Amino acid sequence: MQKFSVLGYSIFISLLILNLLPANTNAQIVLAYDPNSQPVSFGVRSIEEELNKLGVQLRKIKLDGKIKDANIAVRVLAAKDIPSLNQEGYVIEYKNNVLLISAIDETG
């Protein structure tokens, strides 16, 4: 599994998001996450800064189990839900029009 620094991670996510957007839009990305988690909030701020540099606005909402209103969801799952993942690792997948960034601990 590829390891990224925080900056590398945010650039990678930014580029992935831009590939999912229709061309020539002033779209707003909606990102759902747990704002009470300091490590997750730090990662979200990094993504937001990189997107702002690219002219993309980010609206953050609280992750409350319903991710259908989000374009991106950053979530921490139980280790049993992603058994192949190591500590501080994460998985990025695109399902049902939502980019899911999942980890088994907050520092992933």
PDB file of N, CA and C in Angstrom:
ATOM      1  N   MET A   1       0.840  -1.171   0.000  1.00  0.00           N
ATOM      2  CA  MET A   1       0.000   0.000   0.000  1.00  0.00           C
ATOM      3  C   MET A   1       0.891   1.242   0.000  1.00  0.00           C
ATOM      4  N   GLN A   2       0.539   2.228  -0.815  1.00  0.00           N
ATOM      5  CA  GLN A   2       1.319   3.459  -0.935  1.00  0.00           C
ATOM      6  C   GLN A   2       1.208   4.307   0.325  1.00  0.00           C
ATOM      7  N   LYS A   3       2.355   4.812   0.821  1.00  0.00           N
ATOM      8  CA  LYS A   3       2.377   5.729   1.964  1.00  0.00           C
ATOM      9  C   LYS A   3       2.604   7.135   1.435  1.00  0.00           C
ATOM     10  N   PHE A   4       1.826   8.084   1.924  1.00  0.00           N
ATOM     11  CA  PHE A   4       1.962   9.481   1.544  1.00  0.00           C
ATOM     12  C   PHE A   4       2.208  10.317   2.784  1.00  0.00           C
ATOM     13  N   SER A   5       2.953  11.401   2.622  1.00  0.00           N
ATOM     14  CA  SER A   5       3.028  12.395   3.689  1.00  0.00           C
ATOM     15  C   SER A   5       1.701  13.145   3.695  1.00  0.00           C
ATOM     16  N   VAL A   6       1.482  13.970   4.713  1.00  0.00           N
ATOM     17  CA  VAL A   6       0.233  14.733   4.774  1.00  0.00           C
ATOM     18  C   VAL A   6       0.085  15.603   3.531  1.00  0.00           C
ATOM     19  N   LEU A   7       1.151  16.277   3.117  1.00  0.00           N
ATOM     20  CA  LEU A   7       1.077  17.122   1.925  1.00  0.00           C
ATOM     21  C   LEU A   7       0.824  16.270   0.687  1.00  0.00           C
ATOM     22  N   GLY A   8       1.530  15.155   0.563  1.00  0.00           N
ATOM     23  CA  GLY A   8       1.324  14.265  -0.575  1.00  0.00           C
ATOM     24  C   GLY A   8      -0.092  13.727  -0.616  1.00  0.00           C
ATOM     25  N   TYR A   9      -0.597  13.398   0.550  1.00  0.00           N
ATOM     26  CA  TYR A   9      -1.961  12.893   0.694  1.00  0.00           C
ATOM     27  C   TYR A   9      -2.957  13.945   0.216  1.00  0.00           C
ATOM     28  N   SER A  10      -2.795  15.182   0.657  1.00  0.00           N
ATOM     29  CA  SER A  10      -3.761  16.219   0.296  1.00  0.00           C
ATOM     30  C   SER A  10      -3.679  16.552  -1.197  1.00  0.00           C
ATOM     31  N   ILE A  11      -2.490  16.549  -1.761  1.00  0.00           N
ATOM     32  CA  ILE A  11      -2.350  16.801  -3.202  1.00  0.00           C
ATOM     33  C   ILE A  11      -2.990  15.665  -3.989  1.00  0.00           C
ATOM     34  N   PHE A  12      -2.730  14.429  -3.564  1.00  0.00           N
ATOM     35  CA  PHE A  12      -3.311  13.266  -4.231  1.00  0.00           C
ATOM     36  C   PHE A  12      -4.837  13.333  -4.213  1.00  0.00           C
ATOM     37  N   ILE A  13      -5.413  13.629  -3.051  1.00  0.00           N
ATOM     38  CA  ILE A  13      -6.868  13.721  -2.924  1.00  0.00           C
ATOM     39  C   ILE A  13      -7.398  14.859  -3.790  1.00  0.00           C
ATOM     40  N   SER A  14      -6.703  16.008  -3.788  1.00  0.00           N
ATOM     41  CA  SER A  14      -7.138  17.156  -4.594  1.00  0.00           C
ATOM     42  C   SER A  14      -7.200  16.787  -6.068  1.00  0.00           C
ATOM     43  N   LEU A  15      -6.173  16.122  -6.561  1.00  0.00           N
ATOM     44  CA  LEU A  15      -6.157  15.733  -7.969  1.00  0.00           C
ATOM     45  C   LEU A  15      -7.245  14.715  -8.278  1.00  0.00           C
ATOM     46  N   LEU A  16      -7.459  13.797  -7.374  1.00  0.00           N
ATOM     47  CA  LEU A  16      -8.514  12.812  -7.565  1.00  0.00           C
ATOM     48  C   LEU A  16      -9.880  13.490  -7.623  1.00  0.00           C
ATOM     49  N   ILE A  17     -10.105  14.443  -6.740  1.00  0.00           N
ATOM     50  CA  ILE A  17     -11.376  15.174  -6.721  1.00  0.00           C
ATOM     51  C   ILE A  17     -11.567  15.936  -8.030  1.00  0.00           C
ATOM     52  N   LEU A  18     -10.530  16.603  -8.476  1.00  0.00           N
ATOM     53  CA  LEU A  18     -10.653  17.380  -9.710  1.00  0.00           C
ATOM     54  C   LEU A  18     -10.970  16.485 -10.897  1.00  0.00           C
ATOM     55  N   ASN A  19     -10.473  15.255 -10.895  1.00  0.00           N
ATOM     56  CA  ASN A  19     -10.806  14.323 -11.971  1.00  0.00           C
ATOM     57  C   ASN A  19     -12.266  13.908 -11.936  1.00  0.00           C
ATOM     58  N   LEU A  20     -12.892  13.973 -10.780  1.00  0.00           N
ATOM     59  CA  LEU A  20     -14.291  13.579 -10.650  1.00  0.00           C
ATOM     60  C   LEU A  20     -15.254  14.709 -10.980  1.00  0.00           C
ATOM     61  N   LEU A  21     -14.770  15.940 -11.022  1.00  0.00           N
ATOM     62  CA  LEU A  21     -15.628  17.092 -11.292  1.00  0.00           C
ATOM     63  C   LEU A  21     -15.855  17.268 -12.784  1.00  0.00           C
ATOM     64  N   PRO A  22     -17.040  17.736 -13.164  1.00  0.00           N
ATOM     65  CA  PRO A  22     -17.255  18.101 -14.568  1.00  0.00           C
ATOM     66  C   PRO A  22     -16.338  19.275 -14.941  1.00  0.00           C
ATOM     67  N   ALA A  23     -15.943  19.338 -16.182  1.00  0.00           N
ATOM     68  CA  ALA A  23     -15.063  20.425 -16.639  1.00  0.00           C
ATOM     69  C   ALA A  23     -15.769  21.764 -16.559  1.00  0.00           C
ATOM     70  N   ASN A  24     -14.998  22.821 -16.350  1.00  0.00           N
ATOM     71  CA  ASN A  24     -15.482  24.199 -16.346  1.00  0.00           C
ATOM     72  C   ASN A  24     -16.634  24.449 -15.376  1.00  0.00           C
ATOM     73  N   THR A  25     -16.474  24.004 -14.162  1.00  0.00           N
ATOM     74  CA  THR A  25     -17.497  24.286 -13.157  1.00  0.00           C
ATOM     75  C   THR A  25     -16.871  25.062 -12.015  1.00  0.00           C
ATOM     76  N   ASN A  26     -17.689  25.795 -11.317  1.00  0.00           N
ATOM     77  CA  ASN A  26     -17.275  26.434 -10.076  1.00  0.00           C
ATOM     78  C   ASN A  26     -17.905  25.643  -8.945  1.00  0.00           C
ATOM     79  N   ALA A  27     -17.696  24.363  -8.985  1.00  0.00           N
ATOM     80  CA  ALA A  27     -18.369  23.445  -8.074  1.00  0.00           C
ATOM     81  C   ALA A  27     -17.897  23.631  -6.642  1.00  0.00           C
ATOM     82  N   GLN A  28     -18.794  23.261  -5.763  1.00  0.00           N
ATOM     83  CA  GLN A  28     -18.469  23.226  -4.357  1.00  0.00           C
ATOM     84  C   GLN A  28     -18.461  21.761  -3.945  1.00  0.00           C
ATOM     85  N   ILE A  29     -17.394  21.354  -3.308  1.00  0.00           N
ATOM     86  CA  ILE A  29     -17.261  19.991  -2.816  1.00  0.00           C
ATOM     87  C   ILE A  29     -17.785  19.947  -1.385  1.00  0.00           C
ATOM     88  N   VAL A  30     -18.585  18.941  -1.079  1.00  0.00           N
ATOM     89  CA  VAL A  30     -19.094  18.745   0.277  1.00  0.00           C
ATOM     90  C   VAL A  30     -18.342  17.568   0.890  1.00  0.00           C
ATOM     91  N   LEU A  31     -17.699  17.830   2.021  1.00  0.00           N
ATOM     92  CA  LEU A  31     -16.903  16.813   2.696  1.00  0.00           C
ATOM     93  C   LEU A  31     -17.493  16.533   4.074  1.00  0.00           C
ATOM     94  N   ALA A  32     -17.809  15.281   4.349  1.00  0.00           N
ATOM     95  CA  ALA A  32     -18.356  14.870   5.637  1.00  0.00           C
ATOM     96  C   ALA A  32     -17.237  14.237   6.465  1.00  0.00           C
ATOM     97  N   TYR A  33     -17.139  14.649   7.726  1.00  0.00           N
ATOM     98  CA  TYR A  33     -16.102  14.120   8.617  1.00  0.00           C
ATOM     99  C   TYR A  33     -16.506  14.377  10.054  1.00  0.00           C
ATOM    100  N   ASP A  34     -15.717  13.825  10.989  1.00  0.00           N
ATOM    101  CA  ASP A  34     -15.959  14.047  12.412  1.00  0.00           C
ATOM    102  C   ASP A  34     -15.105  15.229  12.864  1.00  0.00           C
ATOM    103  N   PRO A  35     -15.709  16.402  13.075  1.00  0.00           N
ATOM    104  CA  PRO A  35     -14.929  17.576  13.458  1.00  0.00           C
ATOM    105  C   PRO A  35     -14.366  17.487  14.878  1.00  0.00           C
ATOM    106  N   ASN A  36     -14.796  16.508  15.656  1.00  0.00           N
ATOM    107  CA  ASN A  36     -14.273  16.334  17.013  1.00  0.00           C
ATOM    108  C   ASN A  36     -12.955  15.584  17.046  1.00  0.00           C
ATOM    109  N   SER A  37     -12.541  15.026  15.925  1.00  0.00           N
ATOM    110  CA  SER A  37     -11.274  14.306  15.835  1.00  0.00           C
ATOM    111  C   SER A  37     -10.179  15.246  15.337  1.00  0.00           C
ATOM    112  N   GLN A  38      -9.215  15.547  16.198  1.00  0.00           N
ATOM    113  CA  GLN A  38      -8.123  16.462  15.827  1.00  0.00           C
ATOM    114  C   GLN A  38      -7.319  15.948  14.630  1.00  0.00           C
ATOM    115  N   PRO A  39      -6.885  14.671  14.608  1.00  0.00           N
ATOM    116  CA  PRO A  39      -6.110  14.206  13.444  1.00  0.00           C
ATOM    117  C   PRO A  39      -6.904  14.257  12.138  1.00  0.00           C
ATOM    118  N   VAL A  40      -8.180  13.898  12.197  1.00  0.00           N
ATOM    119  CA  VAL A  40      -9.011  13.943  10.995  1.00  0.00           C
ATOM    120  C   VAL A  40      -9.214  15.393  10.558  1.00  0.00           C
ATOM    121  N   SER A  41      -9.464  16.285  11.505  1.00  0.00           N
ATOM    122  CA  SER A  41      -9.639  17.706  11.181  1.00  0.00           C
ATOM    123  C   SER A  41      -8.378  18.284  10.546  1.00  0.00           C
ATOM    124  N   PHE A  42      -7.222  17.873  11.023  1.00  0.00           N
ATOM    125  CA  PHE A  42      -5.952  18.327  10.444  1.00  0.00           C
ATOM    126  C   PHE A  42      -5.850  17.893   8.978  1.00  0.00           C
ATOM    127  N   GLY A  43      -6.166  16.640   8.700  1.00  0.00           N
ATOM    128  CA  GLY A  43      -6.131  16.154   7.324  1.00  0.00           C
ATOM    129  C   GLY A  43      -7.131  16.872   6.431  1.00  0.00           C
ATOM    130  N   VAL A  44      -8.319  17.142   6.966  1.00  0.00           N
ATOM    131  CA  VAL A  44      -9.344  17.849   6.201  1.00  0.00           C
ATOM    132  C   VAL A  44      -8.887  19.277   5.891  1.00  0.00           C
ATOM    133  N   ARG A  45      -8.257  19.939   6.862  1.00  0.00           N
ATOM    134  CA  ARG A  45      -7.731  21.296   6.609  1.00  0.00           C
ATOM    135  C   ARG A  45      -6.686  21.272   5.498  1.00  0.00           C
ATOM    136  N   SER A  46      -5.841  20.246   5.477  1.00  0.00           N
ATOM    137  CA  SER A  46      -4.833  20.131   4.420  1.00  0.00           C
ATOM    138  C   SER A  46      -5.485  19.974   3.054  1.00  0.00           C
ATOM    139  N   ILE A  47      -6.518  19.146   2.988  1.00  0.00           N
ATOM    140  CA  ILE A  47      -7.248  18.967   1.729  1.00  0.00           C
ATOM    141  C   ILE A  47      -7.899  20.286   1.316  1.00  0.00           C
ATOM    142  N   GLU A  48      -8.514  20.965   2.279  1.00  0.00           N
ATOM    143  CA  GLU A  48      -9.174  22.240   2.000  1.00  0.00           C
ATOM    144  C   GLU A  48      -8.185  23.275   1.457  1.00  0.00           C
ATOM    145  N   GLU A  49      -7.018  23.375   2.061  1.00  0.00           N
ATOM    146  CA  GLU A  49      -6.011  24.336   1.597  1.00  0.00           C
ATOM    147  C   GLU A  49      -5.586  24.052   0.169  1.00  0.00           C
ATOM    148  N   GLU A  50      -5.370  22.784  -0.150  1.00  0.00           N
ATOM    149  CA  GLU A  50      -4.955  22.434  -1.509  1.00  0.00           C
ATOM    150  C   GLU A  50      -6.073  22.707  -2.518  1.00  0.00           C
ATOM    151  N   LEU A  51      -7.304  22.399  -2.160  1.00  0.00           N
ATOM    152  CA  LEU A  51      -8.418  22.673  -3.065  1.00  0.00           C
ATOM    153  C   LEU A  51      -8.608  24.168  -3.277  1.00  0.00           C
ATOM    154  N   ASN A  52      -8.460  24.960  -2.206  1.00  0.00           N
ATOM    155  CA  ASN A  52      -8.585  26.414  -2.334  1.00  0.00           C
ATOM    156  C   ASN A  52      -7.544  26.972  -3.292  1.00  0.00           C
ATOM    157  N   LYS A  53      -6.331  26.419  -3.244  1.00  0.00           N
ATOM    158  CA  LYS A  53      -5.277  26.859  -4.177  1.00  0.00           C
ATOM    159  C   LYS A  53      -5.684  26.607  -5.625  1.00  0.00           C
ATOM    160  N   LEU A  54      -6.504  25.571  -5.822  1.00  0.00           N
ATOM    161  CA  LEU A  54      -6.952  25.224  -7.163  1.00  0.00           C
ATOM    162  C   LEU A  54      -8.272  25.902  -7.532  1.00  0.00           C
ATOM    163  N   GLY A  55      -8.789  26.740  -6.620  1.00  0.00           N
ATOM    164  CA  GLY A  55     -10.027  27.464  -6.885  1.00  0.00           C
ATOM    165  C   GLY A  55     -11.296  26.675  -6.613  1.00  0.00           C
ATOM    166  N   VAL A  56     -11.187  25.590  -5.880  1.00  0.00           N
ATOM    167  CA  VAL A  56     -12.346  24.763  -5.563  1.00  0.00           C
ATOM    168  C   VAL A  56     -12.752  25.033  -4.115  1.00  0.00           C
ATOM    169  N   GLN A  57     -14.026  25.336  -3.911  1.00  0.00           N
ATOM    170  CA  GLN A  57     -14.542  25.601  -2.571  1.00  0.00           C
ATOM    171  C   GLN A  57     -14.927  24.292  -1.891  1.00  0.00           C
ATOM    172  N   LEU A  58     -14.667  24.218  -0.590  1.00  0.00           N
ATOM    173  CA  LEU A  58     -14.999  23.036   0.194  1.00  0.00           C
ATOM    174  C   LEU A  58     -15.980  23.430   1.285  1.00  0.00           C
ATOM    175  N   ARG A  59     -17.088  22.711   1.351  1.00  0.00           N
ATOM    176  CA  ARG A  59     -18.050  22.895   2.447  1.00  0.00           C
ATOM    177  C   ARG A  59     -17.974  21.652   3.318  1.00  0.00           C
ATOM    178  N   LYS A  60     -17.726  21.857   4.605  1.00  0.00           N
ATOM    179  CA  LYS A  60     -17.571  20.744   5.533  1.00  0.00           C
ATOM    180  C   LYS A  60     -18.862  20.529   6.313  1.00  0.00           C
ATOM    181  N   ILE A  61     -19.254  19.264   6.424  1.00  0.00           N
ATOM    182  CA  ILE A  61     -20.425  18.908   7.220  1.00  0.00           C
ATOM    183  C   ILE A  61     -20.033  17.786   8.176  1.00  0.00           C
ATOM    184  N   LYS A  62     -20.809  17.643   9.238  1.00  0.00           N
ATOM    185  CA  LYS A  62     -20.537  16.608  10.226  1.00  0.00           C
ATOM    186  C   LYS A  62     -20.962  15.245   9.676  1.00  0.00           C
ATOM    187  N   LEU A  63     -20.079  14.281   9.817  1.00  0.00           N
ATOM    188  CA  LEU A  63     -20.379  12.912   9.411  1.00  0.00           C
ATOM    189  C   LEU A  63     -21.284  12.299  10.473  1.00  0.00           C
ATOM    190  N   ASP A  64     -22.504  12.019  10.080  1.00  0.00           N
ATOM    191  CA  ASP A  64     -23.459  11.479  11.045  1.00  0.00           C
ATOM    192  C   ASP A  64     -24.038  10.151  10.589  1.00  0.00           C
ATOM    193  N   GLY A  65     -23.298   9.448   9.778  1.00  0.00           N
ATOM    194  CA  GLY A  65     -23.772   8.160   9.286  1.00  0.00           C
ATOM    195  C   GLY A  65     -24.417   8.254   7.910  1.00  0.00           C
ATOM    196  N   LYS A  66     -24.926   9.434   7.552  1.00  0.00           N
ATOM    197  CA  LYS A  66     -25.541   9.625   6.240  1.00  0.00           C
ATOM    198  C   LYS A  66     -24.548  10.355   5.339  1.00  0.00           C
ATOM    199  N   ILE A  67     -23.957   9.636   4.421  1.00  0.00           N
ATOM    200  CA  ILE A  67     -22.952  10.262   3.563  1.00  0.00           C
ATOM    201  C   ILE A  67     -23.514  10.619   2.191  1.00  0.00           C
ATOM    202  N   LYS A  68     -24.807  10.403   1.981  1.00  0.00           N
ATOM    203  CA  LYS A  68     -25.379  10.659   0.655  1.00  0.00           C
ATOM    204  C   LYS A  68     -25.341  12.136   0.268  1.00  0.00           C
ATOM    205  N   ASP A  69     -25.251  13.052   1.250  1.00  0.00           N
ATOM    206  CA  ASP A  69     -25.197  14.477   0.955  1.00  0.00           C
ATOM    207  C   ASP A  69     -23.784  14.963   0.668  1.00  0.00           C
ATOM    208  N   ALA A  70     -22.802  14.080   0.780  1.00  0.00           N
ATOM    209  CA  ALA A  70     -21.398  14.464   0.628  1.00  0.00           C
ATOM    210  C   ALA A  70     -20.831  13.958  -0.695  1.00  0.00           C
ATOM    211  N   ASN A  71     -19.819  14.684  -1.176  1.00  0.00           N
ATOM    212  CA  ASN A  71     -19.026  14.202  -2.303  1.00  0.00           C
ATOM    213  C   ASN A  71     -17.851  13.373  -1.803  1.00  0.00           C
ATOM    214  N   ILE A  72     -17.403  13.710  -0.575  1.00  0.00           N
ATOM    215  CA  ILE A  72     -16.270  13.031   0.059  1.00  0.00           C
ATOM    216  C   ILE A  72     -16.668  12.720   1.495  1.00  0.00           C
ATOM    217  N   ALA A  73     -16.288  11.545   1.975  1.00  0.00           N
ATOM    218  CA  ALA A  73     -16.503  11.194   3.378  1.00  0.00           C
ATOM    219  C   ALA A  73     -15.193  10.661   3.936  1.00  0.00           C
ATOM    220  N   VAL A  74     -14.750  11.266   5.034  1.00  0.00           N
ATOM    221  CA  VAL A  74     -13.558  10.795   5.738  1.00  0.00           C
ATOM    222  C   VAL A  74     -14.063  10.107   6.994  1.00  0.00           C
ATOM    223  N   ARG A  75     -13.761   8.821   7.122  1.00  0.00           N
ATOM    224  CA  ARG A  75     -14.324   8.075   8.237  1.00  0.00           C
ATOM    225  C   ARG A  75     -13.303   7.119   8.847  1.00  0.00           C
ATOM    226  N   VAL A  76     -13.498   6.863  10.139  1.00  0.00           N
ATOM    227  CA  VAL A  76     -12.678   5.909  10.866  1.00  0.00           C
ATOM    228  C   VAL A  76     -13.570   4.715  11.171  1.00  0.00           C
ATOM    229  N   LEU A  77     -13.150   3.557  10.685  1.00  0.00           N
ATOM    230  CA  LEU A  77     -13.935   2.337  10.855  1.00  0.00           C
ATOM    231  C   LEU A  77     -13.246   1.394  11.832  1.00  0.00           C
ATOM    232  N   ALA A  78     -13.959   0.386  12.258  1.00  0.00           N
ATOM    233  CA  ALA A  78     -13.371  -0.643  13.112  1.00  0.00           C
ATOM    234  C   ALA A  78     -12.372  -1.463  12.295  1.00  0.00           C
ATOM    235  N   ALA A  79     -11.323  -1.927  12.953  1.00  0.00           N
ATOM    236  CA  ALA A  79     -10.288  -2.705  12.265  1.00  0.00           C
ATOM    237  C   ALA A  79     -10.870  -3.929  11.570  1.00  0.00           C
ATOM    238  N   LYS A  80     -11.911  -4.509  12.140  1.00  0.00           N
ATOM    239  CA  LYS A  80     -12.521  -5.695  11.519  1.00  0.00           C
ATOM    240  C   LYS A  80     -13.176  -5.369  10.171  1.00  0.00           C
ATOM    241  N   ASP A  81     -13.522  -4.090   9.953  1.00  0.00           N
ATOM    242  CA  ASP A  81     -14.140  -3.692   8.691  1.00  0.00           C
ATOM    243  C   ASP A  81     -13.143  -3.589   7.544  1.00  0.00           C
ATOM    244  N   ILE A  82     -11.864  -3.389   7.882  1.00  0.00           N
ATOM    245  CA  ILE A  82     -10.801  -3.316   6.869  1.00  0.00           C
ATOM    246  C   ILE A  82      -9.617  -4.145   7.397  1.00  0.00           C
ATOM    247  N   PRO A  83      -9.731  -5.474   7.412  1.00  0.00           N
ATOM    248  CA  PRO A  83      -8.705  -6.303   8.041  1.00  0.00           C
ATOM    249  C   PRO A  83      -7.329  -6.224   7.385  1.00  0.00           C
ATOM    250  N   SER A  84      -7.265  -5.856   6.126  1.00  0.00           N
ATOM    251  CA  SER A  84      -5.977  -5.807   5.438  1.00  0.00           C
ATOM    252  C   SER A  84      -5.205  -4.509   5.684  1.00  0.00           C
ATOM    253  N   LEU A  85      -5.791  -3.576   6.416  1.00  0.00           N
ATOM    254  CA  LEU A  85      -5.184  -2.262   6.605  1.00  0.00           C
ATOM    255  C   LEU A  85      -4.355  -2.212   7.878  1.00  0.00           C
ATOM    256  N   ASN A  86      -3.170  -1.617   7.787  1.00  0.00           N
ATOM    257  CA  ASN A  86      -2.303  -1.428   8.946  1.00  0.00           C
ATOM    258  C   ASN A  86      -2.629  -0.125   9.653  1.00  0.00           C
ATOM    259  N   GLN A  87      -2.128   0.011  10.898  1.00  0.00           N
ATOM    260  CA  GLN A  87      -2.281   1.270  11.635  1.00  0.00           C
ATOM    261  C   GLN A  87      -1.752   2.406  10.773  1.00  0.00           C
ATOM    262  N   GLU A  88      -2.366   3.555  10.879  1.00  0.00           N
ATOM    263  CA  GLU A  88      -2.013   4.771  10.160  1.00  0.00           C
ATOM    264  C   GLU A  88      -2.145   4.654   8.643  1.00  0.00           C
ATOM    265  N   GLY A  89      -2.770   3.600   8.179  1.00  0.00           N
ATOM    266  CA  GLY A  89      -3.021   3.451   6.752  1.00  0.00           C
ATOM    267  C   GLY A  89      -4.427   3.925   6.432  1.00  0.00           C
ATOM    268  N   TYR A  90      -4.748   4.007   5.166  1.00  0.00           N
ATOM    269  CA  TYR A  90      -6.079   4.410   4.739  1.00  0.00           C
ATOM    270  C   TYR A  90      -6.396   3.798   3.388  1.00  0.00           C
ATOM    271  N   VAL A  91      -7.651   3.761   3.067  1.00  0.00           N
ATOM    272  CA  VAL A  91      -8.140   3.235   1.800  1.00  0.00           C
ATOM    273  C   VAL A  91      -8.964   4.328   1.147  1.00  0.00           C
ATOM    274  N   ILE A  92      -8.779   4.510  -0.148  1.00  0.00           N
ATOM    275  CA  ILE A  92      -9.568   5.476  -0.911  1.00  0.00           C
ATOM    276  C   ILE A  92     -10.355   4.698  -1.949  1.00  0.00           C
ATOM    277  N   GLU A  93     -11.658   4.899  -1.944  1.00  0.00           N
ATOM    278  CA  GLU A  93     -12.509   4.232  -2.924  1.00  0.00           C
ATOM    279  C   GLU A  93     -13.645   5.165  -3.332  1.00  0.00           C
ATOM    280  N   TYR A  94     -14.212   4.896  -4.477  1.00  0.00           N
ATOM    281  CA  TYR A  94     -15.314   5.700  -5.002  1.00  0.00           C
ATOM    282  C   TYR A  94     -16.526   4.791  -5.137  1.00  0.00           C
ATOM    283  N   LYS A  95     -17.558   5.047  -4.318  1.00  0.00           N
ATOM    284  CA  LYS A  95     -18.768   4.223  -4.328  1.00  0.00           C
ATOM    285  C   LYS A  95     -19.995   5.129  -4.281  1.00  0.00           C
ATOM    286  N   ASN A  96     -20.969   4.821  -5.114  1.00  0.00           N
ATOM    287  CA  ASN A  96     -22.248   5.543  -5.109  1.00  0.00           C
ATOM    288  C   ASN A  96     -22.059   7.054  -5.157  1.00  0.00           C
ATOM    289  N   ASN A  97     -21.151   7.508  -6.019  1.00  0.00           N
ATOM    290  CA  ASN A  97     -20.874   8.927  -6.236  1.00  0.00           C
ATOM    291  C   ASN A  97     -20.262   9.630  -5.022  1.00  0.00           C
ATOM    292  N   VAL A  98     -19.657   8.873  -4.122  1.00  0.00           N
ATOM    293  CA  VAL A  98     -18.990   9.453  -2.957  1.00  0.00           C
ATOM    294  C   VAL A  98     -17.561   8.916  -2.902  1.00  0.00           C
ATOM    295  N   LEU A  99     -16.609   9.827  -2.752  1.00  0.00           N
ATOM    296  CA  LEU A  99     -15.217   9.441  -2.560  1.00  0.00           C
ATOM    297  C   LEU A  99     -15.049   9.133  -1.068  1.00  0.00           C
ATOM    298  N   LEU A 100     -14.748   7.883  -0.740  1.00  0.00           N
ATOM    299  CA  LEU A 100     -14.609   7.443   0.640  1.00  0.00           C
ATOM    300  C   LEU A 100     -13.143   7.320   1.015  1.00  0.00           C
ATOM    301  N   ILE A 101     -12.757   8.001   2.076  1.00  0.00           N
ATOM    302  CA  ILE A 101     -11.403   7.880   2.623  1.00  0.00           C
ATOM    303  C   ILE A 101     -11.596   7.226   3.984  1.00  0.00           C
ATOM    304  N   SER A 102     -11.152   5.984   4.111  1.00  0.00           N
ATOM    305  CA  SER A 102     -11.416   5.207   5.311  1.00  0.00           C
ATOM    306  C   SER A 102     -10.110   4.769   5.967  1.00  0.00           C
ATOM    307  N   ALA A 103     -10.116   4.796   7.294  1.00  0.00           N
ATOM    308  CA  ALA A 103      -8.956   4.358   8.077  1.00  0.00           C
ATOM    309  C   ALA A 103      -9.464   3.583   9.289  1.00  0.00           C
ATOM    310  N   ILE A 104      -8.540   2.885   9.963  1.00  0.00           N
ATOM    311  CA  ILE A 104      -8.938   2.150  11.172  1.00  0.00           C
ATOM    312  C   ILE A 104      -8.494   2.872  12.436  1.00  0.00           C
ATOM    313  N   ASP A 105      -7.801   3.977  12.276  1.00  0.00           N
ATOM    314  CA  ASP A 105      -7.480   4.830  13.425  1.00  0.00           C
ATOM    315  C   ASP A 105      -7.444   6.272  12.950  1.00  0.00           C
ATOM    316  N   GLU A 106      -7.535   7.205  13.872  1.00  0.00           N
ATOM    317  CA  GLU A 106      -7.639   8.623  13.499  1.00  0.00           C
ATOM    318  C   GLU A 106      -6.388   9.165  12.826  1.00  0.00           C
ATOM    319  N   THR A 107      -5.235   8.553  13.043  1.00  0.00           N
ATOM    320  CA  THR A 107      -4.013   9.084  12.437  1.00  0.00           C
ATOM    321  C   THR A 107      -3.798   8.562  11.029  1.00  0.00           C
ATOM    322  N   GLY A 108      -4.619   7.643  10.573  1.00  0.00           N
ATOM    323  CA  GLY A 108      -4.510   7.120   9.213  1.00  0.00           C
ATOM    324  C   GLY A 108      -4.947   8.159   8.239  1.00  0.00           C
TER     325      GLY A 108
END
